Amino acid sequence: MVRRLGAASEIRIAVEDRLAGLLGADEARGLRIPEPQRCDADESGCNWSMDYRSSCGEHEEAIHRAVTEAQARWNLRD
């Protein structure tokens, strides 16, 4: 699959939108999702990571799923 290129803010919004779909808009609204940070491309070709664990609380599984899905669809633009 070809990844879309996006700014850090676009990727963060994509993760937030997916979380709203997974948890419901009201539940997701209170979560602070950080912007992704550039890193060396992994084996799948993704060139960013996101340190969300400090803000996930009881929603770690949903946040992990949203981030993993975004990593499969997006790459951070130069």
PDB file of N, CA and C in Angstrom:
ATOM      1  N   MET A   1       0.832  -1.172   0.000  1.00  0.00           N
ATOM      2  CA  MET A   1       0.000   0.000   0.000  1.00  0.00           C
ATOM      3  C   MET A   1       0.889   1.251   0.000  1.00  0.00           C
ATOM      4  N   VAL A   2       0.541   2.225  -0.783  1.00  0.00           N
ATOM      5  CA  VAL A   2       1.267   3.481  -0.845  1.00  0.00           C
ATOM      6  C   VAL A   2       0.783   4.367   0.300  1.00  0.00           C
ATOM      7  N   ARG A   3       1.718   4.891   1.060  1.00  0.00           N
ATOM      8  CA  ARG A   3       1.364   5.756   2.184  1.00  0.00           C
ATOM      9  C   ARG A   3       1.144   7.187   1.709  1.00  0.00           C
ATOM     10  N   ARG A   4       0.215   7.855   2.361  1.00  0.00           N
ATOM     11  CA  ARG A   4       0.018   9.287   2.134  1.00  0.00           C
ATOM     12  C   ARG A   4       1.120  10.025   2.873  1.00  0.00           C
ATOM     13  N   LEU A   5       1.577  11.130   2.336  1.00  0.00           N
ATOM     14  CA  LEU A   5       2.543  11.982   3.016  1.00  0.00           C
ATOM     15  C   LEU A   5       1.776  13.078   3.732  1.00  0.00           C
ATOM     16  N   GLY A   6       2.138  13.335   4.986  1.00  0.00           N
ATOM     17  CA  GLY A   6       1.440  14.367   5.735  1.00  0.00           C
ATOM     18  C   GLY A   6       2.340  15.044   6.740  1.00  0.00           C
ATOM     19  N   ALA A   7       1.923  16.233   7.128  1.00  0.00           N
ATOM     20  CA  ALA A   7       2.599  16.950   8.201  1.00  0.00           C
ATOM     21  C   ALA A   7       2.265  16.272   9.523  1.00  0.00           C
ATOM     22  N   ALA A   8       3.068  16.543  10.536  1.00  0.00           N
ATOM     23  CA  ALA A   8       2.844  15.934  11.846  1.00  0.00           C
ATOM     24  C   ALA A   8       1.419  16.229  12.347  1.00  0.00           C
ATOM     25  N   SER A   9       0.944  17.439  12.136  1.00  0.00           N
ATOM     26  CA  SER A   9      -0.395  17.801  12.606  1.00  0.00           C
ATOM     27  C   SER A   9      -1.477  17.003  11.870  1.00  0.00           C
ATOM     28  N   GLU A  10      -1.282  16.731  10.594  1.00  0.00           N
ATOM     29  CA  GLU A  10      -2.257  15.936   9.832  1.00  0.00           C
ATOM     30  C   GLU A  10      -2.328  14.497  10.348  1.00  0.00           C
ATOM     31  N   ILE A  11      -1.171  13.937  10.659  1.00  0.00           N
ATOM     32  CA  ILE A  11      -1.134  12.564  11.162  1.00  0.00           C
ATOM     33  C   ILE A  11      -1.790  12.498  12.535  1.00  0.00           C
ATOM     34  N   ARG A  12      -1.505  13.478  13.391  1.00  0.00           N
ATOM     35  CA  ARG A  12      -2.130  13.516  14.715  1.00  0.00           C
ATOM     36  C   ARG A  12      -3.648  13.587  14.591  1.00  0.00           C
ATOM     37  N   ILE A  13      -4.145  14.404  13.683  1.00  0.00           N
ATOM     38  CA  ILE A  13      -5.587  14.530  13.470  1.00  0.00           C
ATOM     39  C   ILE A  13      -6.168  13.211  12.963  1.00  0.00           C
ATOM     40  N   ALA A  14      -5.441  12.517  12.091  1.00  0.00           N
ATOM     41  CA  ALA A  14      -5.913  11.214  11.602  1.00  0.00           C
ATOM     42  C   ALA A  14      -6.041  10.217  12.751  1.00  0.00           C
ATOM     43  N   VAL A  15      -5.080  10.232  13.677  1.00  0.00           N
ATOM     44  CA  VAL A  15      -5.145   9.343  14.847  1.00  0.00           C
ATOM     45  C   VAL A  15      -6.333   9.743  15.727  1.00  0.00           C
ATOM     46  N   GLU A  16      -6.507  11.033  15.952  1.00  0.00           N
ATOM     47  CA  GLU A  16      -7.640  11.499  16.769  1.00  0.00           C
ATOM     48  C   GLU A  16      -8.977  11.121  16.141  1.00  0.00           C
ATOM     49  N   ASP A  17      -9.093  11.259  14.834  1.00  0.00           N
ATOM     50  CA  ASP A  17     -10.333  10.889  14.148  1.00  0.00           C
ATOM     51  C   ASP A  17     -10.618   9.395  14.287  1.00  0.00           C
ATOM     52  N   ARG A  18      -9.584   8.584  14.159  1.00  0.00           N
ATOM     53  CA  ARG A  18      -9.774   7.131  14.299  1.00  0.00           C
ATOM     54  C   ARG A  18     -10.176   6.773  15.720  1.00  0.00           C
ATOM     55  N   LEU A  19      -9.570   7.450  16.690  1.00  0.00           N
ATOM     56  CA  LEU A  19      -9.957   7.217  18.088  1.00  0.00           C
ATOM     57  C   LEU A  19     -11.407   7.575  18.338  1.00  0.00           C
ATOM     58  N   ALA A  20     -11.865   8.662  17.740  1.00  0.00           N
ATOM     59  CA  ALA A  20     -13.273   9.040  17.878  1.00  0.00           C
ATOM     60  C   ALA A  20     -14.172   7.944  17.329  1.00  0.00           C
ATOM     61  N   GLY A  21     -13.731   7.298  16.251  1.00  0.00           N
ATOM     62  CA  GLY A  21     -14.500   6.187  15.692  1.00  0.00           C
ATOM     63  C   GLY A  21     -14.479   4.961  16.583  1.00  0.00           C
ATOM     64  N   LEU A  22     -13.363   4.720  17.261  1.00  0.00           N
ATOM     65  CA  LEU A  22     -13.233   3.547  18.120  1.00  0.00           C
ATOM     66  C   LEU A  22     -13.907   3.734  19.478  1.00  0.00           C
ATOM     67  N   LEU A  23     -13.757   4.926  20.067  1.00  0.00           N
ATOM     68  CA  LEU A  23     -14.233   5.163  21.428  1.00  0.00           C
ATOM     69  C   LEU A  23     -15.510   5.983  21.513  1.00  0.00           C
ATOM     70  N   GLY A  24     -15.832   6.674  20.448  1.00  0.00           N
ATOM     71  CA  GLY A  24     -16.919   7.648  20.490  1.00  0.00           C
ATOM     72  C   GLY A  24     -16.312   9.023  20.687  1.00  0.00           C
ATOM     73  N   ALA A  25     -16.924  10.022  20.096  1.00  0.00           N
ATOM     74  CA  ALA A  25     -16.359  11.375  20.105  1.00  0.00           C
ATOM     75  C   ALA A  25     -16.200  11.927  21.520  1.00  0.00           C
ATOM     76  N   ASP A  26     -17.176  11.709  22.389  1.00  0.00           N
ATOM     77  CA  ASP A  26     -17.096  12.250  23.749  1.00  0.00           C
ATOM     78  C   ASP A  26     -15.940  11.641  24.528  1.00  0.00           C
ATOM     79  N   GLU A  27     -15.760  10.346  24.432  1.00  0.00           N
ATOM     80  CA  GLU A  27     -14.693   9.647  25.150  1.00  0.00           C
ATOM     81  C   GLU A  27     -13.319  10.038  24.617  1.00  0.00           C
ATOM     82  N   ALA A  28     -13.195  10.176  23.314  1.00  0.00           N
ATOM     83  CA  ALA A  28     -11.900  10.484  22.695  1.00  0.00           C
ATOM     84  C   ALA A  28     -11.496  11.935  22.905  1.00  0.00           C
ATOM     85  N   ARG A  29     -12.457  12.803  23.104  1.00  0.00           N
ATOM     86  CA  ARG A  29     -12.177  14.237  23.207  1.00  0.00           C
ATOM     87  C   ARG A  29     -11.205  14.566  24.343  1.00  0.00           C
ATOM     88  N   GLY A  30     -11.233  13.828  25.419  1.00  0.00           N
ATOM     89  CA  GLY A  30     -10.384  14.135  26.563  1.00  0.00           C
ATOM     90  C   GLY A  30      -8.966  13.627  26.461  1.00  0.00           C
ATOM     91  N   LEU A  31      -8.638  12.891  25.419  1.00  0.00           N
ATOM     92  CA  LEU A  31      -7.305  12.313  25.288  1.00  0.00           C
ATOM     93  C   LEU A  31      -6.360  13.275  24.578  1.00  0.00           C
ATOM     94  N   ARG A  32      -5.135  13.391  25.087  1.00  0.00           N
ATOM     95  CA  ARG A  32      -4.126  14.239  24.451  1.00  0.00           C
ATOM     96  C   ARG A  32      -3.237  13.352  23.593  1.00  0.00           C
ATOM     97  N   ILE A  33      -3.327  13.553  22.301  1.00  0.00           N
ATOM     98  CA  ILE A  33      -2.528  12.784  21.350  1.00  0.00           C
ATOM     99  C   ILE A  33      -1.386  13.673  20.863  1.00  0.00           C
ATOM    100  N   PRO A  34      -0.137  13.230  21.051  1.00  0.00           N
ATOM    101  CA  PRO A  34       0.998  14.053  20.622  1.00  0.00           C
ATOM    102  C   PRO A  34       1.216  13.966  19.112  1.00  0.00           C
ATOM    103  N   GLU A  35       1.990  14.914  18.598  1.00  0.00           N
ATOM    104  CA  GLU A  35       2.369  14.828  17.185  1.00  0.00           C
ATOM    105  C   GLU A  35       3.428  13.747  17.011  1.00  0.00           C
ATOM    106  N   PRO A  36       3.447  13.098  15.871  1.00  0.00           N
ATOM    107  CA  PRO A  36       4.450  12.057  15.624  1.00  0.00           C
ATOM    108  C   PRO A  36       5.843  12.658  15.487  1.00  0.00           C
ATOM    109  N   GLN A  37       6.829  11.840  15.795  1.00  0.00           N
ATOM    110  CA  GLN A  37       8.227  12.239  15.676  1.00  0.00           C
ATOM    111  C   GLN A  37       8.896  11.410  14.593  1.00  0.00           C
ATOM    112  N   ARG A  38       9.704  12.074  13.785  1.00  0.00           N
ATOM    113  CA  ARG A  38      10.424  11.380  12.712  1.00  0.00           C
ATOM    114  C   ARG A  38      11.414  10.379  13.300  1.00  0.00           C
ATOM    115  N   CYS A  39      11.543   9.263  12.620  1.00  0.00           N
ATOM    116  CA  CYS A  39      12.529   8.243  12.983  1.00  0.00           C
ATOM    117  C   CYS A  39      12.961   7.544  11.702  1.00  0.00           C
ATOM    118  N   ASP A  40      13.969   6.703  11.809  1.00  0.00           N
ATOM    119  CA  ASP A  40      14.370   5.903  10.658  1.00  0.00           C
ATOM    120  C   ASP A  40      13.210   5.002  10.269  1.00  0.00           C
ATOM    121  N   ALA A  41      13.052   4.781   8.987  1.00  0.00           N
ATOM    122  CA  ALA A  41      11.961   3.922   8.516  1.00  0.00           C
ATOM    123  C   ALA A  41      12.117   2.519   9.089  1.00  0.00           C
ATOM    124  N   ASP A  42      11.003   1.950   9.531  1.00  0.00           N
ATOM    125  CA  ASP A  42      11.032   0.584  10.049  1.00  0.00           C
ATOM    126  C   ASP A  42      10.912  -0.409   8.891  1.00  0.00           C
ATOM    127  N   GLU A  43      10.781  -1.689   9.211  1.00  0.00           N
ATOM    128  CA  GLU A  43      10.728  -2.715   8.161  1.00  0.00           C
ATOM    129  C   GLU A  43       9.535  -2.561   7.228  1.00  0.00           C
ATOM    130  N   SER A  44       8.469  -1.902   7.694  1.00  0.00           N
ATOM    131  CA  SER A  44       7.299  -1.692   6.837  1.00  0.00           C
ATOM    132  C   SER A  44       7.415  -0.411   6.011  1.00  0.00           C
ATOM    133  N   GLY A  45       8.398   0.447   6.357  1.00  0.00           N
ATOM    134  CA  GLY A  45       8.585   1.695   5.634  1.00  0.00           C
ATOM    135  C   GLY A  45       8.067   2.920   6.353  1.00  0.00           C
ATOM    136  N   CYS A  46       7.461   2.749   7.518  1.00  0.00           N
ATOM    137  CA  CYS A  46       6.939   3.887   8.281  1.00  0.00           C
ATOM    138  C   CYS A  46       8.098   4.697   8.848  1.00  0.00           C
ATOM    139  N   ASN A  47       8.037   6.030   8.702  1.00  0.00           N
ATOM    140  CA  ASN A  47       9.145   6.884   9.120  1.00  0.00           C
ATOM    141  C   ASN A  47       8.823   7.764  10.332  1.00  0.00           C
ATOM    142  N   TRP A  48       7.863   7.346  11.146  1.00  0.00           N
ATOM    143  CA  TRP A  48       7.533   8.116  12.337  1.00  0.00           C
ATOM    144  C   TRP A  48       7.065   7.191  13.462  1.00  0.00           C
ATOM    145  N   SER A  49       7.153   7.730  14.669  1.00  0.00           N
ATOM    146  CA  SER A  49       6.625   7.028  15.840  1.00  0.00           C
ATOM    147  C   SER A  49       5.911   8.060  16.700  1.00  0.00           C
ATOM    148  N   MET A  50       5.178   7.582  17.685  1.00  0.00           N
ATOM    149  CA  MET A  50       4.409   8.470  18.540  1.00  0.00           C
ATOM    150  C   MET A  50       4.499   7.953  19.971  1.00  0.00           C
ATOM    151  N   ASP A  51       4.930   8.798  20.877  1.00  0.00           N
ATOM    152  CA  ASP A  51       5.027   8.419  22.285  1.00  0.00           C
ATOM    153  C   ASP A  51       3.734   8.841  22.980  1.00  0.00           C
ATOM    154  N   TYR A  52       2.750   7.971  22.937  1.00  0.00           N
ATOM    155  CA  TYR A  52       1.424   8.284  23.471  1.00  0.00           C
ATOM    156  C   TYR A  52       1.175   7.647  24.831  1.00  0.00           C
ATOM    157  N   ARG A  53       2.047   6.809  25.301  1.00  0.00           N
ATOM    158  CA  ARG A  53       1.771   6.002  26.496  1.00  0.00           C
ATOM    159  C   ARG A  53       1.515   6.827  27.753  1.00  0.00           C
ATOM    160  N   SER A  54       2.110   7.993  27.877  1.00  0.00           N
ATOM    161  CA  SER A  54       1.909   8.797  29.083  1.00  0.00           C
ATOM    162  C   SER A  54       0.502   9.378  29.173  1.00  0.00           C
ATOM    163  N   SER A  55      -0.219   9.400  28.064  1.00  0.00           N
ATOM    164  CA  SER A  55      -1.539  10.019  28.071  1.00  0.00           C
ATOM    165  C   SER A  55      -2.667   9.040  27.790  1.00  0.00           C
ATOM    166  N   CYS A  56      -2.386   7.741  27.794  1.00  0.00           N
ATOM    167  CA  CYS A  56      -3.405   6.809  27.319  1.00  0.00           C
ATOM    168  C   CYS A  56      -4.315   6.252  28.406  1.00  0.00           C
ATOM    169  N   GLY A  57      -3.831   6.136  29.627  1.00  0.00           N
ATOM    170  CA  GLY A  57      -4.682   5.621  30.692  1.00  0.00           C
ATOM    171  C   GLY A  57      -5.344   4.311  30.312  1.00  0.00           C
ATOM    172  N   GLU A  58      -6.635   4.245  30.516  1.00  0.00           N
ATOM    173  CA  GLU A  58      -7.399   3.016  30.262  1.00  0.00           C
ATOM    174  C   GLU A  58      -7.646   2.751  28.781  1.00  0.00           C
ATOM    175  N   HIS A  59      -7.246   3.664  27.913  1.00  0.00           N
ATOM    176  CA  HIS A  59      -7.526   3.543  26.487  1.00  0.00           C
ATOM    177  C   HIS A  59      -6.302   3.117  25.675  1.00  0.00           C
ATOM    178  N   GLU A  60      -5.327   2.514  26.332  1.00  0.00           N
ATOM    179  CA  GLU A  60      -4.080   2.163  25.643  1.00  0.00           C
ATOM    180  C   GLU A  60      -4.326   1.283  24.421  1.00  0.00           C
ATOM    181  N   GLU A  61      -5.187   0.312  24.527  1.00  0.00           N
ATOM    182  CA  GLU A  61      -5.442  -0.600  23.403  1.00  0.00           C
ATOM    183  C   GLU A  61      -6.025   0.145  22.200  1.00  0.00           C
ATOM    184  N   ALA A  62      -6.986   1.022  22.434  1.00  0.00           N
ATOM    185  CA  ALA A  62      -7.598   1.780  21.338  1.00  0.00           C
ATOM    186  C   ALA A  62      -6.596   2.743  20.707  1.00  0.00           C
ATOM    187  N   ILE A  63      -5.786   3.409  21.544  1.00  0.00           N
ATOM    188  CA  ILE A  63      -4.783   4.333  21.012  1.00  0.00           C
ATOM    189  C   ILE A  63      -3.742   3.569  20.211  1.00  0.00           C
ATOM    190  N   HIS A  64      -3.302   2.435  20.725  1.00  0.00           N
ATOM    191  CA  HIS A  64      -2.329   1.611  19.998  1.00  0.00           C
ATOM    192  C   HIS A  64      -2.891   1.209  18.633  1.00  0.00           C
ATOM    193  N   ARG A  65      -4.146   0.818  18.611  1.00  0.00           N
ATOM    194  CA  ARG A  65      -4.776   0.424  17.337  1.00  0.00           C
ATOM    195  C   ARG A  65      -4.836   1.602  16.366  1.00  0.00           C
ATOM    196  N   ALA A  66      -5.241   2.775  16.854  1.00  0.00           N
ATOM    197  CA  ALA A  66      -5.339   3.954  15.991  1.00  0.00           C
ATOM    198  C   ALA A  66      -3.972   4.357  15.447  1.00  0.00           C
ATOM    199  N   VAL A  67      -2.939   4.308  16.287  1.00  0.00           N
ATOM    200  CA  VAL A  67      -1.590   4.673  15.851  1.00  0.00           C
ATOM    201  C   VAL A  67      -1.077   3.653  14.837  1.00  0.00           C
ATOM    202  N   THR A  68      -1.270   2.374  15.120  1.00  0.00           N
ATOM    203  CA  THR A  68      -0.803   1.323  14.207  1.00  0.00           C
ATOM    204  C   THR A  68      -1.470   1.456  12.839  1.00  0.00           C
ATOM    205  N   GLU A  69      -2.761   1.729  12.818  1.00  0.00           N
ATOM    206  CA  GLU A  69      -3.465   1.920  11.546  1.00  0.00           C
ATOM    207  C   GLU A  69      -2.932   3.144  10.808  1.00  0.00           C
ATOM    208  N   ALA A  70      -2.668   4.225  11.532  1.00  0.00           N
ATOM    209  CA  ALA A  70      -2.125   5.436  10.900  1.00  0.00           C
ATOM    210  C   ALA A  70      -0.716   5.189  10.364  1.00  0.00           C
ATOM    211  N   GLN A  71       0.081   4.406  11.085  1.00  0.00           N
ATOM    212  CA  GLN A  71       1.434   4.112  10.610  1.00  0.00           C
ATOM    213  C   GLN A  71       1.411   3.313   9.309  1.00  0.00           C
ATOM    214  N   ALA A  72       0.380   2.533   9.098  1.00  0.00           N
ATOM    215  CA  ALA A  72       0.261   1.770   7.856  1.00  0.00           C
ATOM    216  C   ALA A  72      -0.195   2.665   6.697  1.00  0.00           C
ATOM    217  N   ARG A  73      -0.804   3.812   7.004  1.00  0.00           N
ATOM    218  CA  ARG A  73      -1.386   4.669   5.957  1.00  0.00           C
ATOM    219  C   ARG A  73      -0.610   5.952   5.688  1.00  0.00           C
ATOM    220  N   TRP A  74       0.205   6.398   6.641  1.00  0.00           N
ATOM    221  CA  TRP A  74       0.838   7.711   6.541  1.00  0.00           C
ATOM    222  C   TRP A  74       2.344   7.636   6.716  1.00  0.00           C
ATOM    223  N   ASN A  75       3.055   8.514   6.036  1.00  0.00           N
ATOM    224  CA  ASN A  75       4.456   8.795   6.288  1.00  0.00           C
ATOM    225  C   ASN A  75       4.585  10.280   6.548  1.00  0.00           C
ATOM    226  N   LEU A  76       5.543  10.634   7.388  1.00  0.00           N
ATOM    227  CA  LEU A  76       5.775  12.030   7.732  1.00  0.00           C
ATOM    228  C   LEU A  76       6.507  12.712   6.580  1.00  0.00           C
ATOM    229  N   ARG A  77       5.939  13.821   6.143  1.00  0.00           N
ATOM    230  CA  ARG A  77       6.516  14.601   5.056  1.00  0.00           C
ATOM    231  C   ARG A  77       7.810  15.245   5.520  1.00  0.00           C
ATOM    232  N   ASP A  78       8.771  15.402   4.612  1.00  0.00           N
ATOM    233  CA  ASP A  78      10.054  16.066   4.940  1.00  0.00           C
ATOM    234  C   ASP A  78       9.843  17.512   5.269  1.00  0.00           C
TER     235      ASP A  78
END
